[in-house]
Amino acid sequence: MGKVDPRKLKRDIAARGRLAAHATPGLPIDGDVVETRVPMPSMGTLMDGLLATLLVEKSPFFDQVCEQWPKLFPDSVAKPGRWQDGRLFLYVRTSGQLFGMRPKLTKIKKALATLPTAPKRFSVHLEIR
Protein backbone atom coordinates (compact mmCIF):
# COMPACT_ATOMS: atom_id res chain seq x y z
CA MET A 1 0.00 0.00 0.00
CA GLY A 2 1.26 3.51 -0.90
CA LYS A 3 2.16 6.35 1.40
CA VAL A 4 -0.70 8.55 2.60
CA ASP A 5 -0.30 12.27 1.99
CA PRO A 6 -0.55 14.01 5.41
CA ARG A 7 -2.34 16.99 3.82
CA LYS A 8 -5.05 14.72 2.44
CA LEU A 9 -5.32 12.93 5.76
CA LYS A 10 -5.86 16.26 7.60
CA ARG A 11 -8.35 17.34 4.93
CA ASP A 12 -10.32 14.09 5.28
CA ILE A 13 -10.34 14.29 9.09
CA ALA A 14 -11.66 17.85 8.90
CA ALA A 15 -14.35 16.79 6.40
CA ARG A 16 -15.50 13.94 8.65
CA GLY A 17 -15.64 16.40 11.55
CA ARG A 18 -17.87 18.75 9.53
CA LEU A 19 -20.10 15.80 8.61
CA ALA A 20 -20.36 14.66 12.23
CA ALA A 21 -21.33 18.17 13.31
CA HIS A 22 -24.26 18.25 10.83
CA ALA A 23 -25.41 14.61 10.80
CA THR A 24 -28.46 13.55 12.77
CA PRO A 25 -27.85 10.28 14.64
CA GLY A 26 -29.95 7.41 13.32
CA LEU A 27 -30.66 8.93 9.91
CA PRO A 28 -28.97 7.59 6.76
CA ILE A 29 -26.17 9.65 5.18
CA ASP A 30 -26.15 10.49 1.49
CA GLY A 31 -23.38 8.90 -0.59
CA ASP A 32 -22.09 12.29 -1.78
CA VAL A 33 -22.38 14.51 1.25
CA VAL A 34 -21.64 18.21 0.70
CA GLU A 35 -19.48 18.40 3.84
CA THR A 36 -17.01 15.81 2.51
CA ARG A 37 -16.66 17.13 -1.04
CA VAL A 38 -13.22 18.30 -2.16
CA PRO A 39 -13.04 21.29 -4.50
CA MET A 40 -11.52 20.41 -7.86
CA PRO A 41 -9.86 22.94 -10.16
CA SER A 42 -11.69 23.56 -13.41
CA MET A 43 -10.06 22.71 -16.73
CA GLY A 44 -9.85 26.40 -17.67
CA THR A 45 -7.88 27.17 -14.52
CA LEU A 46 -5.43 24.36 -15.22
CA MET A 47 -4.96 25.42 -18.84
CA ASP A 48 -4.43 29.10 -17.94
CA GLY A 49 -1.68 28.18 -15.48
CA LEU A 50 -0.04 25.77 -17.91
CA LEU A 51 -0.19 28.26 -20.77
CA ALA A 52 1.28 31.01 -18.61
CA THR A 53 4.28 28.85 -17.70
CA LEU A 54 4.82 27.84 -21.33
CA LEU A 55 4.80 31.44 -22.57
CA VAL A 56 7.37 32.73 -20.08
CA GLU A 57 10.58 33.74 -21.82
CA LYS A 58 13.77 32.56 -20.17
CA SER A 59 16.25 35.40 -20.10
CA PRO A 60 19.59 35.80 -18.31
CA PHE A 61 18.90 39.54 -18.21
CA PHE A 62 15.58 39.12 -16.40
CA ASP A 63 17.14 36.61 -13.99
CA GLN A 64 19.87 39.11 -13.19
CA VAL A 65 17.35 41.94 -12.78
CA CYS A 66 15.38 39.84 -10.27
CA GLU A 67 18.58 38.96 -8.43
CA GLN A 68 19.99 42.50 -8.34
CA TRP A 69 16.72 44.41 -7.80
CA PRO A 70 16.91 44.63 -3.97
CA LYS A 71 20.46 45.98 -4.21
CA LEU A 72 19.81 48.44 -7.04
CA PHE A 73 16.43 49.75 -5.85
CA PRO A 74 15.98 48.83 -2.17
CA ASP A 75 13.20 51.34 -1.46
CA SER A 76 11.23 50.85 -4.68
CA VAL A 77 7.57 49.84 -4.50
CA ALA A 78 7.88 48.25 -7.95
CA LYS A 79 9.09 44.67 -8.34
CA PRO A 80 10.26 42.87 -11.49
CA GLY A 81 7.26 41.12 -12.98
CA ARG A 82 8.05 39.61 -16.35
CA TRP A 83 10.21 39.89 -19.46
CA GLN A 84 8.38 39.72 -22.77
CA ASP A 85 9.44 40.70 -26.30
CA GLY A 86 12.20 43.07 -25.19
CA ARG A 87 10.00 44.73 -22.58
CA LEU A 88 10.58 44.56 -18.84
CA PHE A 89 7.35 44.81 -16.86
CA LEU A 90 7.53 46.04 -13.29
CA TYR A 91 4.60 45.27 -11.02
CA VAL A 92 3.09 47.72 -8.54
CA ARG A 93 0.05 47.24 -6.32
CA THR A 94 -1.96 50.41 -6.85
CA SER A 95 -2.58 53.10 -9.44
CA GLY A 96 -1.08 55.65 -7.04
CA GLN A 97 2.16 53.69 -6.94
CA LEU A 98 2.11 53.44 -10.73
CA PHE A 99 1.64 57.21 -11.02
CA GLY A 100 4.49 57.80 -8.55
CA MET A 101 6.87 55.42 -10.35
CA ARG A 102 6.38 56.78 -13.87
CA PRO A 103 8.93 59.62 -13.54
CA LYS A 104 11.53 57.15 -12.23
CA LEU A 105 11.39 54.78 -15.22
CA THR A 106 14.20 56.53 -17.12
CA LYS A 107 16.52 56.28 -14.14
CA ILE A 108 15.58 52.61 -13.64
CA LYS A 109 16.23 51.82 -17.31
CA LYS A 110 19.65 53.52 -17.23
CA ALA A 111 20.64 51.57 -14.11
CA LEU A 112 19.47 48.28 -15.60
CA ALA A 113 21.27 48.98 -18.90
CA THR A 114 24.58 48.82 -17.01
CA LEU A 115 24.04 45.15 -16.11
CA PRO A 116 26.34 42.81 -18.07
CA THR A 117 23.44 40.77 -19.51
CA ALA A 118 21.36 43.79 -20.55
CA PRO A 119 20.22 43.79 -24.18
CA LYS A 120 21.10 46.78 -26.36
CA ARG A 121 17.45 47.75 -26.73
CA PHE A 122 14.71 47.22 -24.17
CA SER A 123 11.93 49.19 -22.57
CA VAL A 124 10.55 49.33 -19.03
CA HIS A 125 6.81 49.34 -18.33
CA LEU A 126 4.61 49.38 -15.24
CA GLU A 127 1.62 47.14 -14.50
CA ILE A 128 -0.74 46.95 -11.57
CA ARG A 129 -0.78 43.45 -10.06
C-alpha atoms as a PDB file:
ATOM      1  CA  MET A   1       0.000   0.000   0.000  1.00  0.00           C
ATOM      2  CA  GLY A   2       1.260   3.508  -0.897  1.00  0.00           C
ATOM      3  CA  LYS A   3       2.158   6.347   1.399  1.00  0.00           C
ATOM      4  CA  VAL A   4      -0.700   8.547   2.597  1.00  0.00           C
ATOM      5  CA  ASP A   5      -0.297  12.269   1.991  1.00  0.00           C
ATOM      6  CA  PRO A   6      -0.548  14.007   5.405  1.00  0.00           C
ATOM      7  CA  ARG A   7      -2.339  16.993   3.820  1.00  0.00           C
ATOM      8  CA  LYS A   8      -5.051  14.722   2.438  1.00  0.00           C
ATOM      9  CA  LEU A   9      -5.321  12.933   5.761  1.00  0.00           C
ATOM     10  CA  LYS A  10      -5.858  16.260   7.596  1.00  0.00           C
ATOM     11  CA  ARG A  11      -8.346  17.341   4.930  1.00  0.00           C
ATOM     12  CA  ASP A  12     -10.323  14.095   5.282  1.00  0.00           C
ATOM     13  CA  ILE A  13     -10.338  14.285   9.089  1.00  0.00           C
ATOM     14  CA  ALA A  14     -11.656  17.854   8.900  1.00  0.00           C
ATOM     15  CA  ALA A  15     -14.353  16.793   6.398  1.00  0.00           C
ATOM     16  CA  ARG A  16     -15.498  13.942   8.647  1.00  0.00           C
ATOM     17  CA  GLY A  17     -15.640  16.398  11.552  1.00  0.00           C
ATOM     18  CA  ARG A  18     -17.867  18.753   9.526  1.00  0.00           C
ATOM     19  CA  LEU A  19     -20.097  15.802   8.615  1.00  0.00           C
ATOM     20  CA  ALA A  20     -20.363  14.660  12.235  1.00  0.00           C
ATOM     21  CA  ALA A  21     -21.334  18.174  13.307  1.00  0.00           C
ATOM     22  CA  HIS A  22     -24.262  18.249  10.826  1.00  0.00           C
ATOM     23  CA  ALA A  23     -25.411  14.614  10.803  1.00  0.00           C
ATOM     24  CA  THR A  24     -28.455  13.551  12.771  1.00  0.00           C
ATOM     25  CA  PRO A  25     -27.851  10.281  14.643  1.00  0.00           C
ATOM     26  CA  GLY A  26     -29.953   7.407  13.316  1.00  0.00           C
ATOM     27  CA  LEU A  27     -30.656   8.925   9.908  1.00  0.00           C
ATOM     28  CA  PRO A  28     -28.972   7.592   6.757  1.00  0.00           C
ATOM     29  CA  ILE A  29     -26.172   9.651   5.183  1.00  0.00           C
ATOM     30  CA  ASP A  30     -26.146  10.488   1.485  1.00  0.00           C
ATOM     31  CA  GLY A  31     -23.378   8.904  -0.594  1.00  0.00           C
ATOM     32  CA  ASP A  32     -22.092  12.286  -1.780  1.00  0.00           C
ATOM     33  CA  VAL A  33     -22.379  14.511   1.253  1.00  0.00           C
ATOM     34  CA  VAL A  34     -21.639  18.205   0.705  1.00  0.00           C
ATOM     35  CA  GLU A  35     -19.483  18.398   3.841  1.00  0.00           C
ATOM     36  CA  THR A  36     -17.014  15.807   2.512  1.00  0.00           C
ATOM     37  CA  ARG A  37     -16.658  17.130  -1.038  1.00  0.00           C
ATOM     38  CA  VAL A  38     -13.218  18.299  -2.155  1.00  0.00           C
ATOM     39  CA  PRO A  39     -13.045  21.294  -4.503  1.00  0.00           C
ATOM     40  CA  MET A  40     -11.525  20.413  -7.856  1.00  0.00           C
ATOM     41  CA  PRO A  41      -9.863  22.940 -10.159  1.00  0.00           C
ATOM     42  CA  SER A  42     -11.691  23.555 -13.408  1.00  0.00           C
ATOM     43  CA  MET A  43     -10.060  22.710 -16.731  1.00  0.00           C
ATOM     44  CA  GLY A  44      -9.851  26.399 -17.666  1.00  0.00           C
ATOM     45  CA  THR A  45      -7.877  27.168 -14.520  1.00  0.00           C
ATOM     46  CA  LEU A  46      -5.431  24.363 -15.222  1.00  0.00           C
ATOM     47  CA  MET A  47      -4.965  25.420 -18.842  1.00  0.00           C
ATOM     48  CA  ASP A  48      -4.433  29.100 -17.938  1.00  0.00           C
ATOM     49  CA  GLY A  49      -1.682  28.178 -15.477  1.00  0.00           C
ATOM     50  CA  LEU A  50      -0.045  25.772 -17.907  1.00  0.00           C
ATOM     51  CA  LEU A  51      -0.193  28.257 -20.770  1.00  0.00           C
ATOM     52  CA  ALA A  52       1.276  31.015 -18.611  1.00  0.00           C
ATOM     53  CA  THR A  53       4.283  28.849 -17.698  1.00  0.00           C
ATOM     54  CA  LEU A  54       4.819  27.841 -21.331  1.00  0.00           C
ATOM     55  CA  LEU A  55       4.804  31.442 -22.574  1.00  0.00           C
ATOM     56  CA  VAL A  56       7.367  32.729 -20.081  1.00  0.00           C
ATOM     57  CA  GLU A  57      10.584  33.742 -21.823  1.00  0.00           C
ATOM     58  CA  LYS A  58      13.771  32.560 -20.173  1.00  0.00           C
ATOM     59  CA  SER A  59      16.245  35.405 -20.097  1.00  0.00           C
ATOM     60  CA  PRO A  60      19.588  35.797 -18.307  1.00  0.00           C
ATOM     61  CA  PHE A  61      18.905  39.539 -18.208  1.00  0.00           C
ATOM     62  CA  PHE A  62      15.584  39.121 -16.402  1.00  0.00           C
ATOM     63  CA  ASP A  63      17.136  36.608 -13.990  1.00  0.00           C
ATOM     64  CA  GLN A  64      19.871  39.113 -13.192  1.00  0.00           C
ATOM     65  CA  VAL A  65      17.348  41.940 -12.781  1.00  0.00           C
ATOM     66  CA  CYS A  66      15.380  39.843 -10.265  1.00  0.00           C
ATOM     67  CA  GLU A  67      18.580  38.957  -8.426  1.00  0.00           C
ATOM     68  CA  GLN A  68      19.987  42.503  -8.340  1.00  0.00           C
ATOM     69  CA  TRP A  69      16.718  44.413  -7.798  1.00  0.00           C
ATOM     70  CA  PRO A  70      16.906  44.627  -3.972  1.00  0.00           C
ATOM     71  CA  LYS A  71      20.460  45.982  -4.209  1.00  0.00           C
ATOM     72  CA  LEU A  72      19.808  48.442  -7.039  1.00  0.00           C
ATOM     73  CA  PHE A  73      16.427  49.747  -5.852  1.00  0.00           C
ATOM     74  CA  PRO A  74      15.981  48.827  -2.174  1.00  0.00           C
ATOM     75  CA  ASP A  75      13.196  51.341  -1.463  1.00  0.00           C
ATOM     76  CA  SER A  76      11.231  50.847  -4.681  1.00  0.00           C
ATOM     77  CA  VAL A  77       7.565  49.839  -4.497  1.00  0.00           C
ATOM     78  CA  ALA A  78       7.879  48.248  -7.950  1.00  0.00           C
ATOM     79  CA  LYS A  79       9.088  44.670  -8.343  1.00  0.00           C
ATOM     80  CA  PRO A  80      10.256  42.874 -11.491  1.00  0.00           C
ATOM     81  CA  GLY A  81       7.263  41.118 -12.982  1.00  0.00           C
ATOM     82  CA  ARG A  82       8.052  39.609 -16.353  1.00  0.00           C
ATOM     83  CA  TRP A  83      10.210  39.887 -19.456  1.00  0.00           C
ATOM     84  CA  GLN A  84       8.377  39.715 -22.774  1.00  0.00           C
ATOM     85  CA  ASP A  85       9.440  40.700 -26.302  1.00  0.00           C
ATOM     86  CA  GLY A  86      12.195  43.069 -25.192  1.00  0.00           C
ATOM     87  CA  ARG A  87      10.000  44.729 -22.576  1.00  0.00           C
ATOM     88  CA  LEU A  88      10.581  44.559 -18.841  1.00  0.00           C
ATOM     89  CA  PHE A  89       7.353  44.809 -16.860  1.00  0.00           C
ATOM     90  CA  LEU A  90       7.535  46.042 -13.286  1.00  0.00           C
ATOM     91  CA  TYR A  91       4.602  45.267 -11.023  1.00  0.00           C
ATOM     92  CA  VAL A  92       3.092  47.717  -8.541  1.00  0.00           C
ATOM     93  CA  ARG A  93       0.050  47.235  -6.317  1.00  0.00           C
ATOM     94  CA  THR A  94      -1.960  50.412  -6.853  1.00  0.00           C
ATOM     95  CA  SER A  95      -2.584  53.099  -9.442  1.00  0.00           C
ATOM     96  CA  GLY A  96      -1.079  55.651  -7.043  1.00  0.00           C
ATOM     97  CA  GLN A  97       2.164  53.693  -6.940  1.00  0.00           C
ATOM     98  CA  LEU A  98       2.109  53.439 -10.734  1.00  0.00           C
ATOM     99  CA  PHE A  99       1.642  57.211 -11.021  1.00  0.00           C
ATOM    100  CA  GLY A 100       4.487  57.801  -8.554  1.00  0.00           C
ATOM    101  CA  MET A 101       6.869  55.420 -10.346  1.00  0.00           C
ATOM    102  CA  ARG A 102       6.375  56.783 -13.874  1.00  0.00           C
ATOM    103  CA  PRO A 103       8.933  59.624 -13.537  1.00  0.00           C
ATOM    104  CA  LYS A 104      11.530  57.147 -12.227  1.00  0.00           C
ATOM    105  CA  LEU A 105      11.389  54.779 -15.221  1.00  0.00           C
ATOM    106  CA  THR A 106      14.195  56.530 -17.125  1.00  0.00           C
ATOM    107  CA  LYS A 107      16.523  56.282 -14.137  1.00  0.00           C
ATOM    108  CA  ILE A 108      15.585  52.611 -13.643  1.00  0.00           C
ATOM    109  CA  LYS A 109      16.230  51.819 -17.312  1.00  0.00           C
ATOM    110  CA  LYS A 110      19.649  53.523 -17.227  1.00  0.00           C
ATOM    111  CA  ALA A 111      20.641  51.574 -14.110  1.00  0.00           C
ATOM    112  CA  LEU A 112      19.470  48.277 -15.604  1.00  0.00           C
ATOM    113  CA  ALA A 113      21.266  48.977 -18.903  1.00  0.00           C
ATOM    114  CA  THR A 114      24.577  48.818 -17.015  1.00  0.00           C
ATOM    115  CA  LEU A 115      24.037  45.153 -16.112  1.00  0.00           C
ATOM    116  CA  PRO A 116      26.337  42.810 -18.074  1.00  0.00           C
ATOM    117  CA  THR A 117      23.439  40.773 -19.509  1.00  0.00           C
ATOM    118  CA  ALA A 118      21.357  43.791 -20.554  1.00  0.00           C
ATOM    119  CA  PRO A 119      20.223  43.792 -24.184  1.00  0.00           C
ATOM    120  CA  LYS A 120      21.101  46.779 -26.361  1.00  0.00           C
ATOM    121  CA  ARG A 121      17.446  47.746 -26.729  1.00  0.00           C
ATOM    122  CA  PHE A 122      14.707  47.219 -24.174  1.00  0.00           C
ATOM    123  CA  SER A 123      11.927  49.187 -22.570  1.00  0.00           C
ATOM    124  CA  VAL A 124      10.552  49.334 -19.031  1.00  0.00           C
ATOM    125  CA  HIS A 125       6.813  49.340 -18.333  1.00  0.00           C
ATOM    126  CA  LEU A 126       4.614  49.381 -15.243  1.00  0.00           C
ATOM    127  CA  GLU A 127       1.621  47.144 -14.504  1.00  0.00           C
ATOM    128  CA  ILE A 128      -0.736  46.946 -11.571  1.00  0.00           C
ATOM    129  CA  ARG A 129      -0.780  43.450 -10.065  1.00  0.00           C
END
